């Protein structure tokens, strides 16, 4: 099974939302759906932005992903990626580049992605960060 791409085309989102391409473009113009305009003819929608939009439509305000009590950060990262379509590192890069909707749900996911990245780096990664004079 291949992992889903973190970005969708306007046509893919239209199919998923059961609306026209123009309807999706209207949501983007009104700021209801975050998208990346790569060129005049190419617009991509982050999968996480579509998920956030769907949650708002259903009236769900909180993110369903909760950090389970597991000691295996690899399994936690797998679950994070399965839920968001991004690895923790990809999520943080997308957040840093302002590709994700600025919402409380995404802020929670950013914190989780940061914790997972630190857990995956392990003690060696933390030590090297401290040696460089940066907090872990």
C-alpha atoms as a PDB file:
ATOM      1  CA  UNK A   1       0.000   0.000   0.000  1.00  0.00           C
ATOM      2  CA  UNK A   2       1.450   3.347  -1.002  1.00  0.00           C
ATOM      3  CA  UNK A   3       1.179   6.372   1.251  1.00  0.00           C
ATOM      4  CA  UNK A   4      -1.097   9.134   0.000  1.00  0.00           C
ATOM      5  CA  UNK A   5       0.563  12.181  -1.444  1.00  0.00           C
ATOM      6  CA  UNK A   6       0.474  15.180   0.914  1.00  0.00           C
ATOM      7  CA  UNK A   7      -0.929  17.369  -1.911  1.00  0.00           C
ATOM      8  CA  UNK A   8      -4.068  17.066  -4.027  1.00  0.00           C
ATOM      9  CA  UNK A   9      -5.129  18.743  -7.249  1.00  0.00           C
ATOM     10  CA  UNK A  10      -8.255  20.881  -7.500  1.00  0.00           C
ATOM     11  CA  UNK A  11      -9.949  18.068  -9.463  1.00  0.00           C
ATOM     12  CA  UNK A  12      -9.087  15.479  -6.774  1.00  0.00           C
ATOM     13  CA  UNK A  13     -10.491  17.694  -4.030  1.00  0.00           C
ATOM     14  CA  UNK A  14     -13.607  18.383  -6.128  1.00  0.00           C
ATOM     15  CA  UNK A  15     -14.217  14.636  -6.481  1.00  0.00           C
ATOM     16  CA  UNK A  16     -13.672  14.067  -2.775  1.00  0.00           C
ATOM     17  CA  UNK A  17     -16.031  16.904  -1.798  1.00  0.00           C
ATOM     18  CA  UNK A  18     -18.497  15.986  -4.584  1.00  0.00           C
ATOM     19  CA  UNK A  19     -18.483  19.445  -6.087  1.00  0.00           C
ATOM     20  CA  UNK A  20     -17.206  21.136  -9.219  1.00  0.00           C
ATOM     21  CA  UNK A  21     -13.650  22.332  -9.774  1.00  0.00           C
ATOM     22  CA  UNK A  22     -15.024  25.886  -9.795  1.00  0.00           C
ATOM     23  CA  UNK A  23     -16.632  25.265  -6.397  1.00  0.00           C
ATOM     24  CA  UNK A  24     -13.245  24.248  -4.975  1.00  0.00           C
ATOM     25  CA  UNK A  25     -11.604  27.323  -6.503  1.00  0.00           C
ATOM     26  CA  UNK A  26     -14.317  29.463  -4.890  1.00  0.00           C
ATOM     27  CA  UNK A  27     -13.552  27.912  -1.466  1.00  0.00           C
ATOM     28  CA  UNK A  28      -9.888  28.742  -2.024  1.00  0.00           C
ATOM     29  CA  UNK A  29     -10.636  32.344  -3.081  1.00  0.00           C
ATOM     30  CA  UNK A  30     -12.843  32.865  -0.004  1.00  0.00           C
ATOM     31  CA  UNK A  31     -10.066  31.520   2.247  1.00  0.00           C
ATOM     32  CA  UNK A  32     -12.096  28.543   3.420  1.00  0.00           C
ATOM     33  CA  UNK A  33      -9.632  26.051   1.929  1.00  0.00           C
ATOM     34  CA  UNK A  34      -5.871  26.624   2.071  1.00  0.00           C
ATOM     35  CA  UNK A  35      -4.042  25.990  -1.212  1.00  0.00           C
ATOM     36  CA  UNK A  36      -0.692  26.548  -2.872  1.00  0.00           C
ATOM     37  CA  UNK A  37      -0.716  28.329  -6.187  1.00  0.00           C
ATOM     38  CA  UNK A  38       2.280  26.969  -8.066  1.00  0.00           C
ATOM     39  CA  UNK A  39       1.488  28.780 -11.303  1.00  0.00           C
ATOM     40  CA  UNK A  40      -1.474  30.412 -13.012  1.00  0.00           C
ATOM     41  CA  UNK A  41      -2.773  26.983 -14.053  1.00  0.00           C
ATOM     42  CA  UNK A  42      -1.502  24.783 -11.196  1.00  0.00           C
ATOM     43  CA  UNK A  43      -2.991  24.863  -7.694  1.00  0.00           C
ATOM     44  CA  UNK A  44      -2.328  22.182  -5.085  1.00  0.00           C
ATOM     45  CA  UNK A  45      -4.221  21.632  -1.846  1.00  0.00           C
ATOM     46  CA  UNK A  46      -2.413  20.156   1.164  1.00  0.00           C
ATOM     47  CA  UNK A  47      -4.200  17.006   2.338  1.00  0.00           C
ATOM     48  CA  UNK A  48      -4.091  18.432   5.872  1.00  0.00           C
ATOM     49  CA  UNK A  49      -5.943  21.561   4.691  1.00  0.00           C
ATOM     50  CA  UNK A  50      -8.665  19.394   3.168  1.00  0.00           C
ATOM     51  CA  UNK A  51      -8.919  17.395   6.411  1.00  0.00           C
ATOM     52  CA  UNK A  52      -9.241  20.610   8.430  1.00  0.00           C
ATOM     53  CA  UNK A  53     -11.954  21.884   6.068  1.00  0.00           C
ATOM     54  CA  UNK A  54     -13.887  18.611   6.392  1.00  0.00           C
ATOM     55  CA  UNK A  55     -13.635  18.777  10.189  1.00  0.00           C
ATOM     56  CA  UNK A  56     -15.054  22.305  10.157  1.00  0.00           C
ATOM     57  CA  UNK A  57     -17.905  21.156   7.879  1.00  0.00           C
ATOM     58  CA  UNK A  58     -18.809  18.362  10.267  1.00  0.00           C
ATOM     59  CA  UNK A  59     -18.723  20.732  13.243  1.00  0.00           C
ATOM     60  CA  UNK A  60     -15.717  18.977  14.733  1.00  0.00           C
ATOM     61  CA  UNK A  61     -13.443  21.528  16.321  1.00  0.00           C
ATOM     62  CA  UNK A  62     -10.746  19.394  17.871  1.00  0.00           C
ATOM     63  CA  UNK A  63      -8.231  17.121  16.205  1.00  0.00           C
ATOM     64  CA  UNK A  64      -8.958  13.448  16.722  1.00  0.00           C
ATOM     65  CA  UNK A  65      -5.326  12.409  16.747  1.00  0.00           C
ATOM     66  CA  UNK A  66      -4.125  12.077  20.320  1.00  0.00           C
ATOM     67  CA  UNK A  67      -0.670  10.938  21.304  1.00  0.00           C
ATOM     68  CA  UNK A  68      -1.262   7.376  22.542  1.00  0.00           C
ATOM     69  CA  UNK A  69       0.650   6.041  25.504  1.00  0.00           C
ATOM     70  CA  UNK A  70       3.174   4.036  23.529  1.00  0.00           C
ATOM     71  CA  UNK A  71       6.884   3.874  23.993  1.00  0.00           C
ATOM     72  CA  UNK A  72       7.565   3.307  20.291  1.00  0.00           C
ATOM     73  CA  UNK A  73       8.120   6.671  18.534  1.00  0.00           C
ATOM     74  CA  UNK A  74       8.365   4.914  15.153  1.00  0.00           C
ATOM     75  CA  UNK A  75       4.809   3.593  15.591  1.00  0.00           C
ATOM     76  CA  UNK A  76       3.621   7.022  16.744  1.00  0.00           C
ATOM     77  CA  UNK A  77       5.213   8.630  13.670  1.00  0.00           C
ATOM     78  CA  UNK A  78       3.539   6.026  11.437  1.00  0.00           C
ATOM     79  CA  UNK A  79       0.153   6.851  12.979  1.00  0.00           C
ATOM     80  CA  UNK A  80       0.791  10.582  12.638  1.00  0.00           C
ATOM     81  CA  UNK A  81       1.619  10.156   8.944  1.00  0.00           C
ATOM     82  CA  UNK A  82      -1.387   7.910   8.378  1.00  0.00           C
ATOM     83  CA  UNK A  83      -3.678  10.549   9.910  1.00  0.00           C
ATOM     84  CA  UNK A  84      -2.163  13.670   8.334  1.00  0.00           C
ATOM     85  CA  UNK A  85      -0.541  12.453   5.113  1.00  0.00           C
ATOM     86  CA  UNK A  86       2.753  13.944   6.335  1.00  0.00           C
ATOM     87  CA  UNK A  87       5.685  12.542   8.268  1.00  0.00           C
ATOM     88  CA  UNK A  88       6.402  14.616  11.395  1.00  0.00           C
ATOM     89  CA  UNK A  89       9.393  16.211   9.619  1.00  0.00           C
ATOM     90  CA  UNK A  90       7.306  17.008   6.499  1.00  0.00           C
ATOM     91  CA  UNK A  91       4.561  18.494   8.705  1.00  0.00           C
ATOM     92  CA  UNK A  92       7.059  20.797  10.403  1.00  0.00           C
ATOM     93  CA  UNK A  93       8.497  21.919   7.061  1.00  0.00           C
ATOM     94  CA  UNK A  94       5.019  22.582   5.657  1.00  0.00           C
ATOM     95  CA  UNK A  95       4.118  24.521   8.826  1.00  0.00           C
ATOM     96  CA  UNK A  96       7.354  26.521   8.606  1.00  0.00           C
ATOM     97  CA  UNK A  97       6.680  27.384   4.947  1.00  0.00           C
ATOM     98  CA  UNK A  98       3.105  28.476   5.802  1.00  0.00           C
ATOM     99  CA  UNK A  99       1.595  25.724   3.635  1.00  0.00           C
ATOM    100  CA  UNK A 100      -0.838  24.649   6.342  1.00  0.00           C
ATOM    101  CA  UNK A 101      -3.896  26.426   7.636  1.00  0.00           C
ATOM    102  CA  UNK A 102      -3.232  28.518  10.714  1.00  0.00           C
ATOM    103  CA  UNK A 103      -5.639  26.831  13.117  1.00  0.00           C
ATOM    104  CA  UNK A 104      -5.607  25.521  16.670  1.00  0.00           C
ATOM    105  CA  UNK A 105      -5.889  21.973  15.313  1.00  0.00           C
ATOM    106  CA  UNK A 106      -2.790  22.411  13.188  1.00  0.00           C
ATOM    107  CA  UNK A 107      -0.959  24.052  16.081  1.00  0.00           C
ATOM    108  CA  UNK A 108      -1.652  20.923  18.155  1.00  0.00           C
ATOM    109  CA  UNK A 109      -0.348  18.770  15.304  1.00  0.00           C
ATOM    110  CA  UNK A 110       2.743  20.962  15.032  1.00  0.00           C
ATOM    111  CA  UNK A 111       3.483  20.344  18.711  1.00  0.00           C
ATOM    112  CA  UNK A 112       2.970  16.599  18.235  1.00  0.00           C
ATOM    113  CA  UNK A 113       5.212  16.572  15.155  1.00  0.00           C
ATOM    114  CA  UNK A 114       7.914  18.424  17.116  1.00  0.00           C
ATOM    115  CA  UNK A 115       7.692  15.917  19.970  1.00  0.00           C
ATOM    116  CA  UNK A 116       7.869  13.000  17.544  1.00  0.00           C
ATOM    117  CA  UNK A 117      10.866  14.483  15.747  1.00  0.00           C
ATOM    118  CA  UNK A 118      12.658  14.874  19.075  1.00  0.00           C
ATOM    119  CA  UNK A 119      11.710  11.333  20.154  1.00  0.00           C
ATOM    120  CA  UNK A 120      12.916   9.892  16.857  1.00  0.00           C
ATOM    121  CA  UNK A 121      16.220  11.769  17.180  1.00  0.00           C
ATOM    122  CA  UNK A 122      16.760  10.068  20.527  1.00  0.00           C
ATOM    123  CA  UNK A 123      19.275  11.018  23.202  1.00  0.00           C
ATOM    124  CA  UNK A 124      22.115  11.381  20.688  1.00  0.00           C
ATOM    125  CA  UNK A 125      20.175  14.057  18.737  1.00  0.00           C
ATOM    126  CA  UNK A 126      19.395  15.941  21.954  1.00  0.00           C
ATOM    127  CA  UNK A 127      22.999  15.854  23.126  1.00  0.00           C
ATOM    128  CA  UNK A 128      24.293  17.200  19.844  1.00  0.00           C
ATOM    129  CA  UNK A 129      21.757  20.036  19.971  1.00  0.00           C
ATOM    130  CA  UNK A 130      22.873  20.946  23.498  1.00  0.00           C
ATOM    131  CA  UNK A 131      26.512  20.885  22.455  1.00  0.00           C
ATOM    132  CA  UNK A 132      25.652  23.318  19.653  1.00  0.00           C
ATOM    133  CA  UNK A 133      24.235  25.647  22.313  1.00  0.00           C
ATOM    134  CA  UNK A 134      20.597  25.126  21.359  1.00  0.00           C
ATOM    135  CA  UNK A 135      17.902  23.788  23.696  1.00  0.00           C
ATOM    136  CA  UNK A 136      16.687  20.287  22.862  1.00  0.00           C
END
